[in-house]
Amino acid sequence: MSVFETIKQEIMADAMNESYTKKGIPPLFKAGKEARIVIVGQAPGRIAEETRLFWNDLSGDRLRDWIGLSREEFYATDRIAHLPMDFYYPGKSQNGDLPPRKGFAEKWHPLLLEAMPNVEIIILIGSYAQKYYLGKRMEKNLTETVRNFKK
């Protein structure tokens, strides 16, 4: 069993994910030793969880267009890893999806990143990813952080 499959089994066995595992919902992420790029987003949406395909919505279309990859290239390559801030759909709120659960990325991202020695760049999509990875280096909001990316 690969290190990534072992981590996946540990995620599924974790008590914080029990309700998903009981429903037969596996964690939605992609990681591998060949990964050179890691895309960190919020959490899978309802459609992504149902189809088992991350970035399977309009935001995914915009992301693929932005990085210049076709849908086929984006999903077929082992050089791109996908590590959402939570590997499960968190549910709906009044104003959209609920935020990723606290403590999830802190627990699982370091283990996965450690097993990907060839990563050259981590692309942070959205404020949850930016807050976690940039911490105090984040500007006052997402727009200002993106505008000042060279810092």
Protein backbone atom coordinates (compact mmCIF):
# COMPACT_ATOMS: atom_id res chain seq x y z
CA MET A 1 0.00 0.00 0.00
CA SER A 2 1.35 3.45 -0.95
CA VAL A 3 1.92 6.19 1.61
CA PHE A 4 -0.98 8.09 0.02
CA GLU A 5 -3.35 5.16 0.33
CA THR A 6 -2.26 4.70 3.95
CA ILE A 7 -3.00 8.36 4.69
CA LYS A 8 -6.37 8.07 2.92
CA GLN A 9 -7.26 5.10 5.15
CA GLU A 10 -6.17 7.07 8.23
CA ILE A 11 -8.34 10.01 7.17
CA MET A 12 -11.34 7.72 6.74
CA ALA A 13 -10.70 6.10 10.13
CA ASP A 14 -10.39 9.45 11.92
CA ALA A 15 -13.31 10.15 14.28
CA MET A 16 -13.81 13.65 12.82
CA ASN A 17 -14.71 12.01 9.49
CA GLU A 18 -16.85 9.19 10.86
CA SER A 19 -20.15 10.49 9.49
CA TYR A 20 -18.71 10.67 5.95
CA THR A 21 -17.06 7.25 6.16
CA LYS A 22 -20.31 5.67 7.42
CA LYS A 23 -22.09 7.11 4.36
CA GLY A 24 -19.41 5.61 2.09
CA ILE A 25 -17.98 9.02 1.16
CA PRO A 26 -14.19 8.84 0.73
CA PRO A 27 -11.98 11.93 1.14
CA LEU A 28 -11.62 13.91 -2.07
CA PHE A 29 -8.01 14.84 -2.77
CA LYS A 30 -5.23 13.88 -5.15
CA ALA A 31 -1.60 13.54 -4.18
CA GLY A 32 1.36 11.66 -5.59
CA LYS A 33 5.14 11.49 -5.64
CA GLU A 34 5.26 13.01 -9.14
CA ALA A 35 3.36 16.16 -8.12
CA ARG A 36 5.15 19.40 -8.89
CA ILE A 37 2.17 21.71 -8.39
CA VAL A 38 -0.24 21.64 -5.45
CA ILE A 39 -3.56 23.41 -5.75
CA VAL A 40 -5.12 24.23 -2.39
CA GLY A 41 -8.75 25.29 -2.47
CA GLN A 42 -11.60 25.60 0.02
CA ALA A 43 -13.39 22.25 0.18
CA PRO A 44 -15.20 20.12 -2.36
CA GLY A 45 -18.61 21.42 -3.32
CA ARG A 46 -21.71 19.27 -3.45
CA ILE A 47 -21.22 18.45 -7.15
CA ALA A 48 -17.55 17.58 -6.67
CA GLU A 49 -18.40 15.24 -3.81
CA GLU A 50 -21.23 13.60 -5.77
CA THR A 51 -19.14 13.12 -8.93
CA ARG A 52 -15.88 12.38 -7.04
CA LEU A 53 -14.14 14.96 -9.22
CA PHE A 54 -12.54 18.05 -7.64
CA TRP A 55 -12.98 21.41 -9.39
CA ASN A 56 -15.94 19.97 -11.29
CA ASP A 57 -17.87 23.24 -11.55
CA LEU A 58 -17.64 26.76 -12.98
CA SER A 59 -14.81 27.69 -10.61
CA GLY A 60 -12.89 24.70 -11.99
CA ASP A 61 -13.50 25.90 -15.54
CA ARG A 62 -12.09 29.32 -14.59
CA LEU A 63 -9.10 27.75 -12.82
CA ARG A 64 -8.22 25.51 -15.78
CA ASP A 65 -8.52 28.48 -18.13
CA TRP A 66 -6.31 30.57 -15.84
CA ILE A 67 -3.53 27.96 -15.69
CA GLY A 68 -3.90 27.11 -19.39
CA LEU A 69 -4.82 23.43 -19.15
CA SER A 70 -7.63 21.57 -20.80
CA ARG A 71 -10.03 19.59 -18.65
CA GLU A 72 -8.38 16.37 -19.84
CA GLU A 73 -4.84 17.57 -19.06
CA PHE A 74 -5.91 18.92 -15.67
CA TYR A 75 -7.33 15.60 -14.48
CA ALA A 76 -4.95 13.20 -16.26
CA THR A 77 -1.61 14.51 -15.01
CA ASP A 78 0.10 13.18 -11.90
CA ARG A 79 2.09 16.41 -11.69
CA ILE A 80 -0.80 18.34 -10.13
CA ALA A 81 -1.94 17.52 -6.60
CA HIS A 82 -5.27 18.77 -5.22
CA LEU A 83 -5.43 19.37 -1.47
CA PRO A 84 -8.58 21.21 -0.44
CA MET A 85 -8.65 22.69 3.05
CA ASP A 86 -11.16 19.91 3.87
CA PHE A 87 -11.55 16.74 1.84
CA TYR A 88 -15.31 16.56 2.38
CA TYR A 89 -18.24 18.78 1.41
CA PRO A 90 -19.00 20.74 4.60
CA GLY A 91 -22.67 21.39 3.80
CA LYS A 92 -24.78 24.39 2.92
CA SER A 93 -25.23 27.66 4.79
CA GLN A 94 -27.56 30.58 4.10
CA ASN A 95 -24.93 32.28 1.95
CA GLY A 96 -23.33 29.35 0.14
CA ASP A 97 -21.28 26.43 1.38
CA LEU A 98 -20.10 26.14 4.96
CA PRO A 99 -16.39 26.81 5.53
CA PRO A 100 -13.90 23.95 5.74
CA ARG A 101 -13.72 22.40 9.20
CA LYS A 102 -11.11 23.85 11.53
CA GLY A 103 -8.12 21.63 12.17
CA PHE A 104 -8.56 19.46 9.09
CA ALA A 105 -5.80 20.90 6.90
CA GLU A 106 -3.52 21.30 9.92
CA LYS A 107 -3.81 17.56 10.54
CA TRP A 108 -3.53 16.14 7.01
CA HIS A 109 -1.73 18.58 4.71
CA PRO A 110 1.72 18.27 6.37
CA LEU A 111 1.64 14.47 6.05
CA LEU A 112 0.70 14.64 2.38
CA LEU A 113 3.13 17.41 1.51
CA GLU A 114 5.97 15.54 3.20
CA ALA A 115 5.30 12.60 0.89
CA MET A 116 5.53 14.82 -2.22
CA PRO A 117 9.23 15.72 -2.47
CA ASN A 118 9.06 17.26 -5.96
CA VAL A 119 6.58 20.08 -5.25
CA GLU A 120 7.80 23.34 -6.76
CA ILE A 121 4.77 25.58 -6.26
CA ILE A 122 1.63 25.71 -4.14
CA ILE A 123 -1.26 27.66 -5.62
CA LEU A 124 -3.60 29.03 -2.97
CA ILE A 125 -7.17 29.47 -4.16
CA GLY A 126 -9.40 31.48 -1.84
CA SER A 127 -9.17 33.09 1.55
CA TYR A 128 -9.17 29.89 3.64
CA ALA A 129 -6.10 28.56 1.83
CA GLN A 130 -4.40 31.94 1.98
CA LYS A 131 -5.07 32.41 5.70
CA TYR A 132 -3.74 28.95 6.53
CA TYR A 133 -0.62 29.04 4.36
CA LEU A 134 0.26 32.73 4.48
CA GLY A 135 -0.82 33.56 8.01
CA LYS A 136 0.32 37.06 8.92
CA ARG A 137 1.80 37.56 5.45
CA MET A 138 -1.75 37.76 4.08
CA GLU A 139 -2.91 41.27 3.25
CA LYS A 140 -6.17 42.74 4.64
CA ASN A 141 -8.27 40.66 2.22
CA LEU A 142 -8.04 38.18 -0.63
CA THR A 143 -8.00 40.85 -3.36
CA GLU A 144 -5.11 42.74 -1.75
CA THR A 145 -3.18 39.52 -1.18
CA VAL A 146 -3.49 38.59 -4.85
CA ARG A 147 -2.62 42.13 -5.92
CA ASN A 148 0.58 41.96 -3.82
CA PHE A 149 1.56 38.40 -4.77
CA LYS A 150 5.22 39.34 -5.32
CA LYS A 151 5.66 39.94 -1.59
